[in-house]
Amino acid sequence: MARKANYEEKINAIEAKIAKKQEELKSLKAQLSEIKAKKAQDDYKELTEYMQNNNLSASDVLASIKG
């Protein structure tokens, strides 16, 4: 019986570690998502400023990209 209890303790300890890592992973994914959203916002702002400074419309930009 002592051996079975020892396995149970090890199982519980590993499950606790897994749960902790899953929470850390969830937090990191949230941070990543937030940073990607901020980057997209900055990229969009840079693009619209460029378009305004060069008197370009969205269709002008698309036409130059499509060639």
N, C-alpha and C. Protein backbone atom coordinates (compact mmCIF):
# COMPACT_ATOMS: atom_id res chain seq x y z
N MET A 1 0.81 -1.20 0.00
CA MET A 1 0.00 0.00 0.00
C MET A 1 0.85 1.26 0.00
N ALA A 2 1.97 1.22 0.67
CA ALA A 2 2.81 2.42 0.72
C ALA A 2 3.29 2.79 -0.67
N ARG A 3 3.59 1.77 -1.47
CA ARG A 3 4.07 2.03 -2.83
C ARG A 3 2.98 2.68 -3.67
N LYS A 4 1.74 2.25 -3.51
CA LYS A 4 0.63 2.84 -4.26
C LYS A 4 0.43 4.30 -3.88
N ALA A 5 0.52 4.60 -2.61
CA ALA A 5 0.38 5.98 -2.15
C ALA A 5 1.50 6.84 -2.72
N ASN A 6 2.69 6.29 -2.83
CA ASN A 6 3.82 7.02 -3.38
C ASN A 6 3.55 7.37 -4.84
N TYR A 7 2.99 6.44 -5.61
CA TYR A 7 2.64 6.72 -7.00
C TYR A 7 1.57 7.80 -7.07
N GLU A 8 0.61 7.72 -6.19
CA GLU A 8 -0.45 8.73 -6.17
C GLU A 8 0.11 10.12 -5.89
N GLU A 9 1.05 10.21 -4.99
CA GLU A 9 1.68 11.50 -4.68
C GLU A 9 2.43 12.02 -5.91
N LYS A 10 3.15 11.14 -6.57
CA LYS A 10 3.90 11.54 -7.75
C LYS A 10 2.95 11.98 -8.86
N ILE A 11 1.88 11.22 -9.05
CA ILE A 11 0.89 11.58 -10.06
C ILE A 11 0.29 12.95 -9.75
N ASN A 12 -0.09 13.16 -8.51
CA ASN A 12 -0.69 14.44 -8.11
C ASN A 12 0.30 15.59 -8.29
N ALA A 13 1.56 15.35 -7.96
CA ALA A 13 2.58 16.40 -8.11
C ALA A 13 2.76 16.76 -9.58
N ILE A 14 2.80 15.76 -10.44
CA ILE A 14 2.97 16.01 -11.87
C ILE A 14 1.74 16.70 -12.45
N GLU A 15 0.57 16.28 -12.03
CA GLU A 15 -0.66 16.93 -12.50
C GLU A 15 -0.70 18.39 -12.07
N ALA A 16 -0.22 18.67 -10.87
CA ALA A 16 -0.17 20.06 -10.39
C ALA A 16 0.80 20.87 -11.24
N LYS A 17 1.94 20.28 -11.57
CA LYS A 17 2.92 20.97 -12.42
C LYS A 17 2.33 21.24 -13.80
N ILE A 18 1.61 20.27 -14.34
CA ILE A 18 0.98 20.44 -15.65
C ILE A 18 -0.03 21.58 -15.61
N ALA A 19 -0.84 21.60 -14.57
CA ALA A 19 -1.85 22.65 -14.43
C ALA A 19 -1.18 24.03 -14.35
N LYS A 20 -0.08 24.10 -13.61
CA LYS A 20 0.64 25.37 -13.47
C LYS A 20 1.20 25.82 -14.83
N LYS A 21 1.79 24.88 -15.56
CA LYS A 21 2.35 25.21 -16.87
C LYS A 21 1.26 25.62 -17.85
N GLN A 22 0.10 24.98 -17.76
CA GLN A 22 -1.01 25.34 -18.64
C GLN A 22 -1.46 26.77 -18.37
N GLU A 23 -1.48 27.17 -17.10
CA GLU A 23 -1.83 28.55 -16.77
C GLU A 23 -0.77 29.52 -17.29
N GLU A 24 0.49 29.15 -17.16
CA GLU A 24 1.57 29.99 -17.70
C GLU A 24 1.45 30.12 -19.20
N LEU A 25 1.15 29.01 -19.87
CA LEU A 25 0.99 29.02 -21.32
C LEU A 25 -0.19 29.89 -21.73
N LYS A 26 -1.28 29.79 -20.99
CA LYS A 26 -2.46 30.62 -21.25
C LYS A 26 -2.11 32.10 -21.12
N SER A 27 -1.35 32.44 -20.10
CA SER A 27 -0.93 33.83 -19.89
C SER A 27 -0.02 34.30 -21.02
N LEU A 28 0.92 33.46 -21.43
CA LEU A 28 1.83 33.82 -22.52
C LEU A 28 1.07 34.00 -23.83
N LYS A 29 0.10 33.14 -24.08
CA LYS A 29 -0.70 33.28 -25.30
C LYS A 29 -1.49 34.58 -25.28
N ALA A 30 -2.00 34.97 -24.13
CA ALA A 30 -2.73 36.24 -24.02
C ALA A 30 -1.79 37.42 -24.28
N GLN A 31 -0.57 37.35 -23.73
CA GLN A 31 0.42 38.40 -23.97
C GLN A 31 0.77 38.48 -25.45
N LEU A 32 0.97 37.33 -26.07
CA LEU A 32 1.30 37.28 -27.49
C LEU A 32 0.18 37.90 -28.33
N SER A 33 -1.03 37.56 -28.01
CA SER A 33 -2.17 38.10 -28.74
C SER A 33 -2.24 39.62 -28.60
N GLU A 34 -2.00 40.10 -27.39
CA GLU A 34 -2.02 41.55 -27.14
C GLU A 34 -0.92 42.26 -27.93
N ILE A 35 0.26 41.69 -27.95
CA ILE A 35 1.38 42.30 -28.68
C ILE A 35 1.12 42.28 -30.18
N LYS A 36 0.57 41.18 -30.69
CA LYS A 36 0.24 41.11 -32.12
C LYS A 36 -0.81 42.15 -32.48
N ALA A 37 -1.78 42.37 -31.62
CA ALA A 37 -2.82 43.37 -31.88
C ALA A 37 -2.20 44.78 -31.90
N LYS A 38 -1.29 45.05 -30.96
CA LYS A 38 -0.63 46.36 -30.93
C LYS A 38 0.23 46.57 -32.17
N LYS A 39 0.92 45.50 -32.61
CA LYS A 39 1.75 45.60 -33.81
C LYS A 39 0.87 45.89 -35.03
N ALA A 40 -0.23 45.18 -35.14
CA ALA A 40 -1.14 45.40 -36.27
C ALA A 40 -1.67 46.83 -36.26
N GLN A 41 -1.98 47.33 -35.09
CA GLN A 41 -2.47 48.71 -34.96
C GLN A 41 -1.39 49.70 -35.40
N ASP A 42 -0.16 49.48 -34.97
CA ASP A 42 0.95 50.36 -35.35
C ASP A 42 1.21 50.29 -36.86
N ASP A 43 1.17 49.07 -37.41
CA ASP A 43 1.38 48.90 -38.85
C ASP A 43 0.29 49.63 -39.64
N TYR A 44 -0.94 49.51 -39.19
CA TYR A 44 -2.06 50.18 -39.87
C TYR A 44 -1.88 51.69 -39.80
N LYS A 45 -1.48 52.19 -38.64
CA LYS A 45 -1.27 53.63 -38.48
C LYS A 45 -0.16 54.12 -39.40
N GLU A 46 0.93 53.37 -39.48
CA GLU A 46 2.04 53.73 -40.36
C GLU A 46 1.59 53.75 -41.82
N LEU A 47 0.82 52.76 -42.21
CA LEU A 47 0.33 52.69 -43.58
C LEU A 47 -0.60 53.85 -43.91
N THR A 48 -1.54 54.14 -43.03
CA THR A 48 -2.47 55.25 -43.31
C THR A 48 -1.76 56.60 -43.33
N GLU A 49 -0.76 56.78 -42.48
CA GLU A 49 0.01 58.02 -42.50
C GLU A 49 0.77 58.15 -43.82
N TYR A 50 1.36 57.06 -44.27
CA TYR A 50 2.07 57.07 -45.55
C TYR A 50 1.12 57.41 -46.68
N MET A 51 -0.05 56.80 -46.66
CA MET A 51 -1.04 57.05 -47.70
C MET A 51 -1.47 58.52 -47.70
N GLN A 52 -1.69 59.07 -46.53
CA GLN A 52 -2.10 60.48 -46.44
C GLN A 52 -0.98 61.40 -46.90
N ASN A 53 0.25 61.12 -46.48
CA ASN A 53 1.38 61.97 -46.84
C ASN A 53 1.66 61.94 -48.34
N ASN A 54 1.29 60.85 -49.00
CA ASN A 54 1.53 60.71 -50.43
C ASN A 54 0.26 60.78 -51.27
N ASN A 55 -0.81 61.25 -50.67
CA ASN A 55 -2.11 61.40 -51.34
C ASN A 55 -2.52 60.13 -52.09
N LEU A 56 -2.44 59.01 -51.41
CA LEU A 56 -2.81 57.72 -51.99
C LEU A 56 -4.11 57.22 -51.38
N SER A 57 -4.92 56.62 -52.21
CA SER A 57 -6.13 55.97 -51.71
C SER A 57 -5.85 54.48 -51.57
N ALA A 58 -6.78 53.78 -50.95
CA ALA A 58 -6.63 52.33 -50.79
C ALA A 58 -6.56 51.66 -52.16
N SER A 59 -7.37 52.14 -53.09
CA SER A 59 -7.35 51.53 -54.43
C SER A 59 -6.03 51.80 -55.15
N ASP A 60 -5.42 52.97 -54.91
CA ASP A 60 -4.09 53.26 -55.48
C ASP A 60 -3.05 52.26 -54.97
N VAL A 61 -3.08 52.02 -53.68
CA VAL A 61 -2.12 51.10 -53.07
C VAL A 61 -2.35 49.68 -53.59
N LEU A 62 -3.59 49.26 -53.65
CA LEU A 62 -3.90 47.93 -54.16
C LEU A 62 -3.47 47.76 -55.60
N ALA A 63 -3.69 48.80 -56.39
CA ALA A 63 -3.31 48.73 -57.81
C ALA A 63 -1.80 48.59 -57.95
N SER A 64 -1.04 49.29 -57.12
CA SER A 64 0.42 49.19 -57.22
C SER A 64 0.92 47.84 -56.72
N ILE A 65 0.23 47.26 -55.76
CA ILE A 65 0.62 45.94 -55.26
C ILE A 65 0.31 44.87 -56.30
N LYS A 66 -0.86 44.96 -56.90
CA LYS A 66 -1.26 43.95 -57.88
C LYS A 66 -0.48 44.09 -59.18
N GLY A 67 0.08 45.26 -59.38
CA GLY A 67 0.94 45.49 -60.53
C GLY A 67 0.19 45.53 -61.80
